[in-house]
Amino acid sequence: MADETNSEQGPSTPAAEDKENQIQVDPVGQSVLKLLHEAASLAGGTSRYAVDITQKLSDRLGLAESRVAALEEQVANLQVEVEFYREKSKRAEEWLNKISGEIQEQVSKTIN
């Protein structure tokens, strides 16, 4: 009768307990592995996204640097042009002063 009680409850040998534990652990292990795969996939996607963004920003930076170089060259050219017209204006002012002085001199001579 003792044997019948044991057979109804199932085997209680260490091998049977290990098998039962393994059956319980397998779904948990598979679940953990599935979560790890999902995390790796998400991380890979995030990494690709970050690389894409970095590449786009790098391209934009290159364009901005080119534009800055072009603008700096344009500023240098304009500074040369401004200096040219500044000198030209200075010479014109000197001539106007000379002409004004001669006119005043002629008028003074005529009045006297």
C-alpha atoms as a PDB file:
ATOM      1  CA  MET A   1       0.000   0.000   0.000  1.00  0.00           C
ATOM      2  CA  ALA A   2       2.837   2.322   0.662  1.00  0.00           C
ATOM      3  CA  ASP A   3       3.928   1.775  -2.938  1.00  0.00           C
ATOM      4  CA  GLU A   4       0.506   2.802  -4.224  1.00  0.00           C
ATOM      5  CA  THR A   5       0.671   6.083  -2.292  1.00  0.00           C
ATOM      6  CA  ASN A   6       4.063   6.896  -3.773  1.00  0.00           C
ATOM      7  CA  SER A   7       2.946   6.085  -7.304  1.00  0.00           C
ATOM      8  CA  GLU A   8      -0.078   8.350  -6.985  1.00  0.00           C
ATOM      9  CA  GLN A   9       2.025  11.245  -5.785  1.00  0.00           C
ATOM     10  CA  GLY A  10       4.617  10.683  -8.484  1.00  0.00           C
ATOM     11  CA  PRO A  11       8.235   9.814  -8.243  1.00  0.00           C
ATOM     12  CA  SER A  12      10.244  11.705  -5.692  1.00  0.00           C
ATOM     13  CA  THR A  13      13.719  10.805  -6.875  1.00  0.00           C
ATOM     14  CA  PRO A  14      16.356  13.525  -7.307  1.00  0.00           C
ATOM     15  CA  ALA A  15      16.367  12.941 -11.077  1.00  0.00           C
ATOM     16  CA  ALA A  16      12.622  13.518 -11.229  1.00  0.00           C
ATOM     17  CA  GLU A  17      12.935  16.710  -9.149  1.00  0.00           C
ATOM     18  CA  ASP A  18      15.715  17.994 -11.450  1.00  0.00           C
ATOM     19  CA  LYS A  19      13.554  17.311 -14.486  1.00  0.00           C
ATOM     20  CA  GLU A  20      10.618  19.154 -12.900  1.00  0.00           C
ATOM     21  CA  ASN A  21      12.876  22.117 -12.022  1.00  0.00           C
ATOM     22  CA  GLN A  22      14.256  22.113 -15.562  1.00  0.00           C
ATOM     23  CA  ILE A  23      10.738  22.218 -16.987  1.00  0.00           C
ATOM     24  CA  GLN A  24       9.991  25.250 -14.814  1.00  0.00           C
ATOM     25  CA  VAL A  25      13.302  26.968 -15.588  1.00  0.00           C
ATOM     26  CA  ASP A  26      13.193  26.501 -19.381  1.00  0.00           C
ATOM     27  CA  PRO A  27      10.331  28.960 -20.020  1.00  0.00           C
ATOM     28  CA  VAL A  28      11.936  31.502 -17.700  1.00  0.00           C
ATOM     29  CA  GLY A  29      15.286  31.105 -19.457  1.00  0.00           C
ATOM     30  CA  GLN A  30      13.640  31.406 -22.853  1.00  0.00           C
ATOM     31  CA  SER A  31      11.810  34.505 -21.686  1.00  0.00           C
ATOM     32  CA  VAL A  32      15.066  36.053 -20.471  1.00  0.00           C
ATOM     33  CA  LEU A  33      16.793  35.226 -23.760  1.00  0.00           C
ATOM     34  CA  LYS A  34      13.897  36.727 -25.699  1.00  0.00           C
ATOM     35  CA  LEU A  35      14.149  39.922 -23.650  1.00  0.00           C
ATOM     36  CA  LEU A  36      17.924  40.035 -24.203  1.00  0.00           C
ATOM     37  CA  HIS A  37      17.438  39.664 -27.971  1.00  0.00           C
ATOM     38  CA  GLU A  38      14.851  42.446 -27.961  1.00  0.00           C
ATOM     39  CA  ALA A  39      17.164  44.691 -25.956  1.00  0.00           C
ATOM     40  CA  ALA A  40      20.049  43.995 -28.338  1.00  0.00           C
ATOM     41  CA  SER A  41      17.822  44.741 -31.308  1.00  0.00           C
ATOM     42  CA  LEU A  42      16.665  48.020 -29.774  1.00  0.00           C
ATOM     43  CA  ALA A  43      20.230  48.974 -28.912  1.00  0.00           C
ATOM     44  CA  GLY A  44      21.324  48.191 -32.462  1.00  0.00           C
ATOM     45  CA  GLY A  45      18.513  50.328 -33.854  1.00  0.00           C
ATOM     46  CA  THR A  46      19.374  53.170 -31.521  1.00  0.00           C
ATOM     47  CA  SER A  47      23.027  52.869 -32.477  1.00  0.00           C
ATOM     48  CA  ARG A  48      22.195  53.001 -36.204  1.00  0.00           C
ATOM     49  CA  TYR A  49      19.971  56.011 -35.576  1.00  0.00           C
ATOM     50  CA  ALA A  50      22.764  57.757 -33.674  1.00  0.00           C
ATOM     51  CA  VAL A  51      25.230  57.030 -36.491  1.00  0.00           C
ATOM     52  CA  ASP A  52      22.769  58.394 -39.067  1.00  0.00           C
ATOM     53  CA  ILE A  53      22.192  61.557 -37.038  1.00  0.00           C
ATOM     54  CA  THR A  54      25.932  61.979 -36.540  1.00  0.00           C
ATOM     55  CA  GLN A  55      26.533  61.620 -40.281  1.00  0.00           C
ATOM     56  CA  LYS A  56      23.842  64.186 -41.110  1.00  0.00           C
ATOM     57  CA  LEU A  57      25.235  66.623 -38.553  1.00  0.00           C
ATOM     58  CA  SER A  58      28.730  66.079 -39.904  1.00  0.00           C
ATOM     59  CA  ASP A  59      27.514  66.821 -43.434  1.00  0.00           C
ATOM     60  CA  ARG A  60      25.742  69.972 -42.249  1.00  0.00           C
ATOM     61  CA  LEU A  61      28.851  71.056 -40.353  1.00  0.00           C
ATOM     62  CA  GLY A  62      30.949  70.607 -43.498  1.00  0.00           C
ATOM     63  CA  LEU A  63      28.518  72.745 -45.479  1.00  0.00           C
ATOM     64  CA  ALA A  64      28.489  75.380 -42.746  1.00  0.00           C
ATOM     65  CA  GLU A  65      32.291  75.462 -42.661  1.00  0.00           C
ATOM     66  CA  SER A  66      32.390  75.903 -46.438  1.00  0.00           C
ATOM     67  CA  ARG A  67      29.846  78.711 -46.218  1.00  0.00           C
ATOM     68  CA  VAL A  68      31.822  80.408 -43.423  1.00  0.00           C
ATOM     69  CA  ALA A  69      35.013  80.208 -45.513  1.00  0.00           C
ATOM     70  CA  ALA A  70      33.195  81.729 -48.511  1.00  0.00           C
ATOM     71  CA  LEU A  71      31.750  84.512 -46.344  1.00  0.00           C
ATOM     72  CA  GLU A  72      35.147  85.236 -44.783  1.00  0.00           C
ATOM     73  CA  GLU A  73      36.638  85.556 -48.265  1.00  0.00           C
ATOM     74  CA  GLN A  74      33.794  87.866 -49.271  1.00  0.00           C
ATOM     75  CA  VAL A  75      34.369  89.991 -46.141  1.00  0.00           C
ATOM     76  CA  ALA A  76      38.081  90.255 -46.969  1.00  0.00           C
ATOM     77  CA  ASN A  77      37.245  91.375 -50.515  1.00  0.00           C
ATOM     78  CA  LEU A  78      34.760  93.926 -49.197  1.00  0.00           C
ATOM     79  CA  GLN A  79      37.329  95.266 -46.736  1.00  0.00           C
ATOM     80  CA  VAL A  80      39.752  95.808 -49.613  1.00  0.00           C
ATOM     81  CA  GLU A  81      37.014  97.540 -51.579  1.00  0.00           C
ATOM     82  CA  VAL A  82      36.048  99.722 -48.592  1.00  0.00           C
ATOM     83  CA  GLU A  83      39.677 100.759 -48.140  1.00  0.00           C
ATOM     84  CA  PHE A  84      39.916 101.609 -51.852  1.00  0.00           C
ATOM     85  CA  TYR A  85      36.844 103.857 -51.680  1.00  0.00           C
ATOM     86  CA  ARG A  86      37.980 105.362 -48.376  1.00  0.00           C
ATOM     87  CA  GLU A  87      41.255 106.447 -50.011  1.00  0.00           C
ATOM     88  CA  LYS A  88      39.399 107.673 -53.077  1.00  0.00           C
ATOM     89  CA  SER A  89      37.021 109.678 -50.865  1.00  0.00           C
ATOM     90  CA  LYS A  90      39.967 111.149 -48.950  1.00  0.00           C
ATOM     91  CA  ARG A  91      41.628 112.288 -52.194  1.00  0.00           C
ATOM     92  CA  ALA A  92      38.338 113.765 -53.415  1.00  0.00           C
ATOM     93  CA  GLU A  93      37.935 115.666 -50.136  1.00  0.00           C
ATOM     94  CA  GLU A  94      41.495 116.994 -50.460  1.00  0.00           C
ATOM     95  CA  TRP A  95      40.743 118.173 -53.989  1.00  0.00           C
ATOM     96  CA  LEU A  96      37.497 119.811 -52.870  1.00  0.00           C
ATOM     97  CA  ASN A  97      39.356 121.627 -50.077  1.00  0.00           C
ATOM     98  CA  LYS A  98      42.016 122.772 -52.560  1.00  0.00           C
ATOM     99  CA  ILE A  99      39.396 123.958 -55.050  1.00  0.00           C
ATOM    100  CA  SER A 100      37.415 125.669 -52.269  1.00  0.00           C
ATOM    101  CA  GLY A 101      40.570 127.417 -51.089  1.00  0.00           C
ATOM    102  CA  GLU A 102      41.377 128.653 -54.599  1.00  0.00           C
ATOM    103  CA  ILE A 103      37.801 129.893 -55.119  1.00  0.00           C
ATOM    104  CA  GLN A 104      37.919 131.765 -51.801  1.00  0.00           C
ATOM    105  CA  GLU A 105      41.290 133.231 -52.791  1.00  0.00           C
ATOM    106  CA  GLN A 106      39.923 134.374 -56.180  1.00  0.00           C
ATOM    107  CA  VAL A 107      36.851 135.894 -54.549  1.00  0.00           C
ATOM    108  CA  SER A 108      39.047 137.703 -52.025  1.00  0.00           C
ATOM    109  CA  LYS A 109      41.189 139.131 -54.810  1.00  0.00           C
ATOM    110  CA  THR A 110      38.120 140.257 -56.737  1.00  0.00           C
ATOM    111  CA  ILE A 111      36.589 141.994 -53.728  1.00  0.00           C
ATOM    112  CA  ASN A 112      39.815 143.802 -52.871  1.00  0.00           C
END
